[in-house]
Amino acid sequence: MVNCIDQSEIDRFWSKLGDGGRESQCGWLDDKYGVSWQVVPAQLRDLVLSGNSDTAEPVMNALMKMVKLDLRVLQEAAGR
């Protein structure tokens, strides 16, 4: 797992690790050597484990629809 501080870092790791590899859903990709990575915002844990199921469920629903994760969309789903 690669915890990224912002969208720019997500984009950079996604591009580098995915070059010659294969993208999957929920922030997962396989690099050109077949190693699986999940590229996520470091804030994801807080967005999902906020102690509020009213927040966690929309965040997880948004995440499940994504390939590369979009921090802004995840924050909006959490109401932030």
PDB file of N, CA and C in Angstrom:
ATOM      1  N   MET A   1       0.849  -1.169   0.000  1.00  0.00           N
ATOM      2  CA  MET A   1       0.000   0.000   0.000  1.00  0.00           C
ATOM      3  C   MET A   1       0.897   1.236   0.000  1.00  0.00           C
ATOM      4  N   VAL A   2       0.502   2.205  -0.788  1.00  0.00           N
ATOM      5  CA  VAL A   2       1.217   3.474  -0.843  1.00  0.00           C
ATOM      6  C   VAL A   2       0.270   4.543  -0.309  1.00  0.00           C
ATOM      7  N   ASN A   3       0.596   5.120   0.842  1.00  0.00           N
ATOM      8  CA  ASN A   3      -0.193   6.203   1.429  1.00  0.00           C
ATOM      9  C   ASN A   3       0.344   7.530   0.920  1.00  0.00           C
ATOM     10  N   CYS A   4      -0.509   8.273   0.233  1.00  0.00           N
ATOM     11  CA  CYS A   4      -0.094   9.521  -0.409  1.00  0.00           C
ATOM     12  C   CYS A   4      -0.674  10.722   0.340  1.00  0.00           C
ATOM     13  N   ILE A   5       0.100  11.799   0.370  1.00  0.00           N
ATOM     14  CA  ILE A   5      -0.328  12.969   1.143  1.00  0.00           C
ATOM     15  C   ILE A   5      -1.357  13.834   0.420  1.00  0.00           C
ATOM     16  N   ASP A   6      -1.391  13.770  -0.917  1.00  0.00           N
ATOM     17  CA  ASP A   6      -2.340  14.589  -1.664  1.00  0.00           C
ATOM     18  C   ASP A   6      -2.585  13.966  -3.036  1.00  0.00           C
ATOM     19  N   GLN A   7      -3.474  14.588  -3.808  1.00  0.00           N
ATOM     20  CA  GLN A   7      -3.831  14.047  -5.122  1.00  0.00           C
ATOM     21  C   GLN A   7      -2.640  14.029  -6.068  1.00  0.00           C
ATOM     22  N   SER A   8      -1.792  15.015  -5.963  1.00  0.00           N
ATOM     23  CA  SER A   8      -0.607  15.062  -6.820  1.00  0.00           C
ATOM     24  C   SER A   8       0.269  13.833  -6.601  1.00  0.00           C
ATOM     25  N   GLU A   9       0.444  13.443  -5.355  1.00  0.00           N
ATOM     26  CA  GLU A   9       1.249  12.265  -5.057  1.00  0.00           C
ATOM     27  C   GLU A   9       0.544  10.986  -5.516  1.00  0.00           C
ATOM     28  N   ILE A  10      -0.779  10.922  -5.357  1.00  0.00           N
ATOM     29  CA  ILE A  10      -1.539   9.782  -5.873  1.00  0.00           C
ATOM     30  C   ILE A  10      -1.308   9.657  -7.376  1.00  0.00           C
ATOM     31  N   ASP A  11      -1.441  10.764  -8.092  1.00  0.00           N
ATOM     32  CA  ASP A  11      -1.266  10.762  -9.544  1.00  0.00           C
ATOM     33  C   ASP A  11       0.136  10.310  -9.942  1.00  0.00           C
ATOM     34  N   ARG A  12       1.143  10.791  -9.214  1.00  0.00           N
ATOM     35  CA  ARG A  12       2.530  10.456  -9.547  1.00  0.00           C
ATOM     36  C   ARG A  12       2.814   8.971  -9.332  1.00  0.00           C
ATOM     37  N   PHE A  13       2.437   8.428  -8.166  1.00  0.00           N
ATOM     38  CA  PHE A  13       2.664   7.007  -7.903  1.00  0.00           C
ATOM     39  C   PHE A  13       1.850   6.139  -8.849  1.00  0.00           C
ATOM     40  N   TRP A  14       0.624   6.545  -9.124  1.00  0.00           N
ATOM     41  CA  TRP A  14      -0.246   5.794 -10.026  1.00  0.00           C
ATOM     42  C   TRP A  14       0.402   5.693 -11.404  1.00  0.00           C
ATOM     43  N   SER A  15       0.925   6.794 -11.878  1.00  0.00           N
ATOM     44  CA  SER A  15       1.560   6.826 -13.189  1.00  0.00           C
ATOM     45  C   SER A  15       2.824   5.968 -13.223  1.00  0.00           C
ATOM     46  N   LYS A  16       3.671   6.125 -12.236  1.00  0.00           N
ATOM     47  CA  LYS A  16       4.951   5.395 -12.207  1.00  0.00           C
ATOM     48  C   LYS A  16       4.743   3.903 -12.001  1.00  0.00           C
ATOM     49  N   LEU A  17       3.942   3.527 -11.017  1.00  0.00           N
ATOM     50  CA  LEU A  17       3.743   2.105 -10.731  1.00  0.00           C
ATOM     51  C   LEU A  17       2.918   1.415 -11.810  1.00  0.00           C
ATOM     52  N   GLY A  18       2.001   2.155 -12.418  1.00  0.00           N
ATOM     53  CA  GLY A  18       1.135   1.568 -13.426  1.00  0.00           C
ATOM     54  C   GLY A  18       1.737   1.495 -14.814  1.00  0.00           C
ATOM     55  N   ASP A  19       2.880   2.150 -15.028  1.00  0.00           N
ATOM     56  CA  ASP A  19       3.521   2.155 -16.341  1.00  0.00           C
ATOM     57  C   ASP A  19       3.910   0.730 -16.737  1.00  0.00           C
ATOM     58  N   GLY A  20       3.243   0.202 -17.739  1.00  0.00           N
ATOM     59  CA  GLY A  20       3.502  -1.153 -18.198  1.00  0.00           C
ATOM     60  C   GLY A  20       2.749  -2.208 -17.420  1.00  0.00           C
ATOM     61  N   GLY A  21       1.892  -1.763 -16.507  1.00  0.00           N
ATOM     62  CA  GLY A  21       1.135  -2.694 -15.676  1.00  0.00           C
ATOM     63  C   GLY A  21      -0.339  -2.696 -16.033  1.00  0.00           C
ATOM     64  N   ARG A  22      -1.153  -3.017 -15.035  1.00  0.00           N
ATOM     65  CA  ARG A  22      -2.590  -3.140 -15.253  1.00  0.00           C
ATOM     66  C   ARG A  22      -3.341  -2.488 -14.100  1.00  0.00           C
ATOM     67  N   GLU A  23      -4.304  -1.639 -14.420  1.00  0.00           N
ATOM     68  CA  GLU A  23      -5.127  -0.961 -13.415  1.00  0.00           C
ATOM     69  C   GLU A  23      -6.305  -1.834 -13.031  1.00  0.00           C
ATOM     70  N   SER A  24      -6.732  -1.693 -11.798  1.00  0.00           N
ATOM     71  CA  SER A  24      -7.904  -2.396 -11.298  1.00  0.00           C
ATOM     72  C   SER A  24      -8.785  -1.371 -10.595  1.00  0.00           C
ATOM     73  N   GLN A  25      -9.730  -1.806  -9.777  1.00  0.00           N
ATOM     74  CA  GLN A  25     -10.598  -0.853  -9.100  1.00  0.00           C
ATOM     75  C   GLN A  25     -10.128  -0.597  -7.674  1.00  0.00           C
ATOM     76  N   CYS A  26     -10.692   0.426  -7.073  1.00  0.00           N
ATOM     77  CA  CYS A  26     -10.455   0.782  -5.665  1.00  0.00           C
ATOM     78  C   CYS A  26      -9.008   1.158  -5.376  1.00  0.00           C
ATOM     79  N   GLY A  27      -8.336   1.744  -6.366  1.00  0.00           N
ATOM     80  CA  GLY A  27      -6.967   2.193  -6.155  1.00  0.00           C
ATOM     81  C   GLY A  27      -5.922   1.106  -6.323  1.00  0.00           C
ATOM     82  N   TRP A  28      -6.313  -0.065  -6.802  1.00  0.00           N
ATOM     83  CA  TRP A  28      -5.368  -1.169  -6.990  1.00  0.00           C
ATOM     84  C   TRP A  28      -4.821  -1.161  -8.409  1.00  0.00           C
ATOM     85  N   LEU A  29      -3.551  -1.541  -8.522  1.00  0.00           N
ATOM     86  CA  LEU A  29      -2.929  -1.758  -9.821  1.00  0.00           C
ATOM     87  C   LEU A  29      -1.808  -2.779  -9.665  1.00  0.00           C
ATOM     88  N   ASP A  30      -1.453  -3.397 -10.769  1.00  0.00           N
ATOM     89  CA  ASP A  30      -0.307  -4.297 -10.820  1.00  0.00           C
ATOM     90  C   ASP A  30       0.774  -3.606 -11.625  1.00  0.00           C
ATOM     91  N   ASP A  31       1.997  -3.574 -11.097  1.00  0.00           N
ATOM     92  CA  ASP A  31       3.091  -2.967 -11.850  1.00  0.00           C
ATOM     93  C   ASP A  31       3.552  -3.918 -12.957  1.00  0.00           C
ATOM     94  N   LYS A  32       4.529  -3.497 -13.740  1.00  0.00           N
ATOM     95  CA  LYS A  32       4.966  -4.297 -14.894  1.00  0.00           C
ATOM     96  C   LYS A  32       5.575  -5.637 -14.489  1.00  0.00           C
ATOM     97  N   TYR A  33       5.891  -5.802 -13.212  1.00  0.00           N
ATOM     98  CA  TYR A  33       6.448  -7.064 -12.715  1.00  0.00           C
ATOM     99  C   TYR A  33       5.375  -7.959 -12.096  1.00  0.00           C
ATOM    100  N   GLY A  34       4.139  -7.476 -12.066  1.00  0.00           N
ATOM    101  CA  GLY A  34       3.042  -8.248 -11.506  1.00  0.00           C
ATOM    102  C   GLY A  34       2.822  -8.045 -10.019  1.00  0.00           C
ATOM    103  N   VAL A  35       3.541  -7.083  -9.418  1.00  0.00           N
ATOM    104  CA  VAL A  35       3.357  -6.784  -8.000  1.00  0.00           C
ATOM    105  C   VAL A  35       2.129  -5.884  -7.845  1.00  0.00           C
ATOM    106  N   SER A  36       1.234  -6.247  -6.924  1.00  0.00           N
ATOM    107  CA  SER A  36       0.011  -5.474  -6.684  1.00  0.00           C
ATOM    108  C   SER A  36       0.277  -4.356  -5.686  1.00  0.00           C
ATOM    109  N   TRP A  37      -0.296  -3.196  -5.991  1.00  0.00           N
ATOM    110  CA  TRP A  37      -0.186  -2.004  -5.142  1.00  0.00           C
ATOM    111  C   TRP A  37      -1.565  -1.399  -4.988  1.00  0.00           C
ATOM    112  N   GLN A  38      -1.821  -0.830  -3.821  1.00  0.00           N
ATOM    113  CA  GLN A  38      -2.990   0.020  -3.661  1.00  0.00           C
ATOM    114  C   GLN A  38      -2.476   1.411  -3.329  1.00  0.00           C
ATOM    115  N   VAL A  39      -2.825   2.359  -4.178  1.00  0.00           N
ATOM    116  CA  VAL A  39      -2.380   3.744  -4.033  1.00  0.00           C
ATOM    117  C   VAL A  39      -3.554   4.526  -3.445  1.00  0.00           C
ATOM    118  N   VAL A  40      -3.395   4.968  -2.191  1.00  0.00           N
ATOM    119  CA  VAL A  40      -4.501   5.590  -1.467  1.00  0.00           C
ATOM    120  C   VAL A  40      -4.065   6.896  -0.821  1.00  0.00           C
ATOM    121  N   PRO A  41      -5.024   7.801  -0.594  1.00  0.00           N
ATOM    122  CA  PRO A  41      -4.686   8.999   0.190  1.00  0.00           C
ATOM    123  C   PRO A  41      -4.516   8.599   1.654  1.00  0.00           C
ATOM    124  N   ALA A  42      -3.555   9.188   2.311  1.00  0.00           N
ATOM    125  CA  ALA A  42      -3.321   8.902   3.727  1.00  0.00           C
ATOM    126  C   ALA A  42      -4.568   9.223   4.557  1.00  0.00           C
ATOM    127  N   GLN A  43      -5.399  10.129   4.092  1.00  0.00           N
ATOM    128  CA  GLN A  43      -6.606  10.545   4.801  1.00  0.00           C
ATOM    129  C   GLN A  43      -7.721   9.505   4.727  1.00  0.00           C
ATOM    130  N   LEU A  44      -7.573   8.496   3.879  1.00  0.00           N
ATOM    131  CA  LEU A  44      -8.647   7.528   3.675  1.00  0.00           C
ATOM    132  C   LEU A  44      -9.060   6.851   4.974  1.00  0.00           C
ATOM    133  N   ARG A  45      -8.099   6.469   5.768  1.00  0.00           N
ATOM    134  CA  ARG A  45      -8.408   5.794   7.040  1.00  0.00           C
ATOM    135  C   ARG A  45      -9.312   6.673   7.901  1.00  0.00           C
ATOM    136  N   ASP A  46      -8.984   7.947   8.003  1.00  0.00           N
ATOM    137  CA  ASP A  46      -9.799   8.864   8.809  1.00  0.00           C
ATOM    138  C   ASP A  46     -11.187   9.066   8.202  1.00  0.00           C
ATOM    139  N   LEU A  47     -11.258   9.110   6.878  1.00  0.00           N
ATOM    140  CA  LEU A  47     -12.555   9.298   6.223  1.00  0.00           C
ATOM    141  C   LEU A  47     -13.469   8.102   6.458  1.00  0.00           C
ATOM    142  N   VAL A  48     -12.906   6.904   6.468  1.00  0.00           N
ATOM    143  CA  VAL A  48     -13.707   5.692   6.627  1.00  0.00           C
ATOM    144  C   VAL A  48     -13.947   5.358   8.097  1.00  0.00           C
ATOM    145  N   LEU A  49     -12.945   5.576   8.927  1.00  0.00           N
ATOM    146  CA  LEU A  49     -13.041   5.189  10.332  1.00  0.00           C
ATOM    147  C   LEU A  49     -13.332   6.379  11.244  1.00  0.00           C
ATOM    148  N   SER A  50     -14.134   7.286  10.761  1.00  0.00           N
ATOM    149  CA  SER A  50     -14.437   8.490  11.527  1.00  0.00           C
ATOM    150  C   SER A  50     -15.339   8.209  12.720  1.00  0.00           C
ATOM    151  N   GLY A  51     -15.785   6.958  12.851  1.00  0.00           N
ATOM    152  CA  GLY A  51     -16.700   6.617  13.932  1.00  0.00           C
ATOM    153  C   GLY A  51     -18.143   6.929  13.594  1.00  0.00           C
ATOM    154  N   ASN A  52     -18.381   7.317  12.358  1.00  0.00           N
ATOM    155  CA  ASN A  52     -19.711   7.714  11.934  1.00  0.00           C
ATOM    156  C   ASN A  52     -20.079   6.925  10.679  1.00  0.00           C
ATOM    157  N   SER A  53     -21.023   5.990  10.801  1.00  0.00           N
ATOM    158  CA  SER A  53     -21.405   5.174   9.642  1.00  0.00           C
ATOM    159  C   SER A  53     -22.061   6.015   8.555  1.00  0.00           C
ATOM    160  N   ASP A  54     -22.625   7.169   8.928  1.00  0.00           N
ATOM    161  CA  ASP A  54     -23.210   8.060   7.925  1.00  0.00           C
ATOM    162  C   ASP A  54     -22.135   8.638   7.013  1.00  0.00           C
ATOM    163  N   THR A  55     -20.903   8.682   7.494  1.00  0.00           N
ATOM    164  CA  THR A  55     -19.782   9.163   6.696  1.00  0.00           C
ATOM    165  C   THR A  55     -19.087   8.012   5.985  1.00  0.00           C
ATOM    166  N   ALA A  56     -18.849   6.931   6.694  1.00  0.00           N
ATOM    167  CA  ALA A  56     -18.088   5.808   6.144  1.00  0.00           C
ATOM    168  C   ALA A  56     -18.767   5.188   4.924  1.00  0.00           C
ATOM    169  N   GLU A  57     -20.064   5.006   4.986  1.00  0.00           N
ATOM    170  CA  GLU A  57     -20.768   4.349   3.889  1.00  0.00           C
ATOM    171  C   GLU A  57     -20.676   5.128   2.578  1.00  0.00           C
ATOM    172  N   PRO A  58     -20.937   6.439   2.555  1.00  0.00           N
ATOM    173  CA  PRO A  58     -20.805   7.168   1.291  1.00  0.00           C
ATOM    174  C   PRO A  58     -19.363   7.180   0.764  1.00  0.00           C
ATOM    175  N   VAL A  59     -18.394   7.230   1.675  1.00  0.00           N
ATOM    176  CA  VAL A  59     -16.990   7.205   1.244  1.00  0.00           C
ATOM    177  C   VAL A  59     -16.684   5.870   0.579  1.00  0.00           C
ATOM    178  N   MET A  60     -17.089   4.779   1.203  1.00  0.00           N
ATOM    179  CA  MET A  60     -16.836   3.452   0.628  1.00  0.00           C
ATOM    180  C   MET A  60     -17.585   3.267  -0.684  1.00  0.00           C
ATOM    181  N   ASN A  61     -18.805   3.777  -0.775  1.00  0.00           N
ATOM    182  CA  ASN A  61     -19.563   3.693  -2.029  1.00  0.00           C
ATOM    183  C   ASN A  61     -18.844   4.446  -3.144  1.00  0.00           C
ATOM    184  N   ALA A  62     -18.314   5.624  -2.840  1.00  0.00           N
ATOM    185  CA  ALA A  62     -17.570   6.398  -3.842  1.00  0.00           C
ATOM    186  C   ALA A  62     -16.298   5.664  -4.234  1.00  0.00           C
ATOM    187  N   LEU A  63     -15.584   5.129  -3.249  1.00  0.00           N
ATOM    188  CA  LEU A  63     -14.324   4.425  -3.499  1.00  0.00           C
ATOM    189  C   LEU A  63     -14.544   3.215  -4.412  1.00  0.00           C
ATOM    190  N   MET A  64     -15.615   2.481  -4.189  1.00  0.00           N
ATOM    191  CA  MET A  64     -15.879   1.264  -4.966  1.00  0.00           C
ATOM    192  C   MET A  64     -16.123   1.545  -6.448  1.00  0.00           C
ATOM    193  N   LYS A  65     -16.474   2.771  -6.788  1.00  0.00           N
ATOM    194  CA  LYS A  65     -16.731   3.126  -8.188  1.00  0.00           C
ATOM    195  C   LYS A  65     -15.476   3.614  -8.910  1.00  0.00           C
ATOM    196  N   MET A  66     -14.386   3.805  -8.166  1.00  0.00           N
ATOM    197  CA  MET A  66     -13.178   4.395  -8.736  1.00  0.00           C
ATOM    198  C   MET A  66     -12.170   3.339  -9.164  1.00  0.00           C
ATOM    199  N   VAL A  67     -11.323   3.727 -10.089  1.00  0.00           N
ATOM    200  CA  VAL A  67     -10.123   2.959 -10.414  1.00  0.00           C
ATOM    201  C   VAL A  67      -8.996   3.670  -9.669  1.00  0.00           C
ATOM    202  N   LYS A  68      -8.472   4.770 -10.212  1.00  0.00           N
ATOM    203  CA  LYS A  68      -7.530   5.608  -9.456  1.00  0.00           C
ATOM    204  C   LYS A  68      -8.356   6.450  -8.497  1.00  0.00           C
ATOM    205  N   LEU A  69      -7.936   6.520  -7.234  1.00  0.00           N
ATOM    206  CA  LEU A  69      -8.710   7.238  -6.238  1.00  0.00           C
ATOM    207  C   LEU A  69      -8.591   8.746  -6.415  1.00  0.00           C
ATOM    208  N   ASP A  70      -9.707   9.418  -6.190  1.00  0.00           N
ATOM    209  CA  ASP A  70      -9.806  10.870  -6.308  1.00  0.00           C
ATOM    210  C   ASP A  70     -10.106  11.421  -4.914  1.00  0.00           C
ATOM    211  N   LEU A  71      -9.107  12.024  -4.287  1.00  0.00           N
ATOM    212  CA  LEU A  71      -9.228  12.508  -2.917  1.00  0.00           C
ATOM    213  C   LEU A  71     -10.373  13.499  -2.761  1.00  0.00           C
ATOM    214  N   ARG A  72     -10.537  14.399  -3.702  1.00  0.00           N
ATOM    215  CA  ARG A  72     -11.592  15.411  -3.620  1.00  0.00           C
ATOM    216  C   ARG A  72     -12.965  14.752  -3.565  1.00  0.00           C
ATOM    217  N   VAL A  73     -13.198  13.760  -4.403  1.00  0.00           N
ATOM    218  CA  VAL A  73     -14.492  13.065  -4.429  1.00  0.00           C
ATOM    219  C   VAL A  73     -14.725  12.310  -3.117  1.00  0.00           C
ATOM    220  N   LEU A  74     -13.685  11.694  -2.586  1.00  0.00           N
ATOM    221  CA  LEU A  74     -13.802  10.977  -1.310  1.00  0.00           C
ATOM    222  C   LEU A  74     -14.112  11.947  -0.161  1.00  0.00           C
ATOM    223  N   GLN A  75     -13.470  13.104  -0.172  1.00  0.00           N
ATOM    224  CA  GLN A  75     -13.745  14.111   0.856  1.00  0.00           C
ATOM    225  C   GLN A  75     -15.167  14.638   0.734  1.00  0.00           C
ATOM    226  N   GLU A  76     -15.626  14.860  -0.493  1.00  0.00           N
ATOM    227  CA  GLU A  76     -16.999  15.322  -0.696  1.00  0.00           C
ATOM    228  C   GLU A  76     -17.995  14.285  -0.208  1.00  0.00           C
ATOM    229  N   ALA A  77     -17.694  12.999  -0.449  1.00  0.00           N
ATOM    230  CA  ALA A  77     -18.585  11.929   0.016  1.00  0.00           C
ATOM    231  C   ALA A  77     -18.659  11.909   1.534  1.00  0.00           C
ATOM    232  N   ALA A  78     -17.574  12.316   2.199  1.00  0.00           N
ATOM    233  CA  ALA A  78     -17.537  12.375   3.654  1.00  0.00           C
ATOM    234  C   ALA A  78     -18.147  13.665   4.184  1.00  0.00           C
ATOM    235  N   GLY A  79     -18.531  14.561   3.287  1.00  0.00           N
ATOM    236  CA  GLY A  79     -19.116  15.830   3.717  1.00  0.00           C
ATOM    237  C   GLY A  79     -18.082  16.840   4.175  1.00  0.00           C
ATOM    238  N   ARG A  80     -16.867  16.706   3.646  1.00  0.00           N
ATOM    239  CA  ARG A  80     -15.788  17.631   4.036  1.00  0.00           C
ATOM    240  C   ARG A  80     -15.429  18.561   2.919  1.00  0.00           C
TER     241      ARG A  80
END
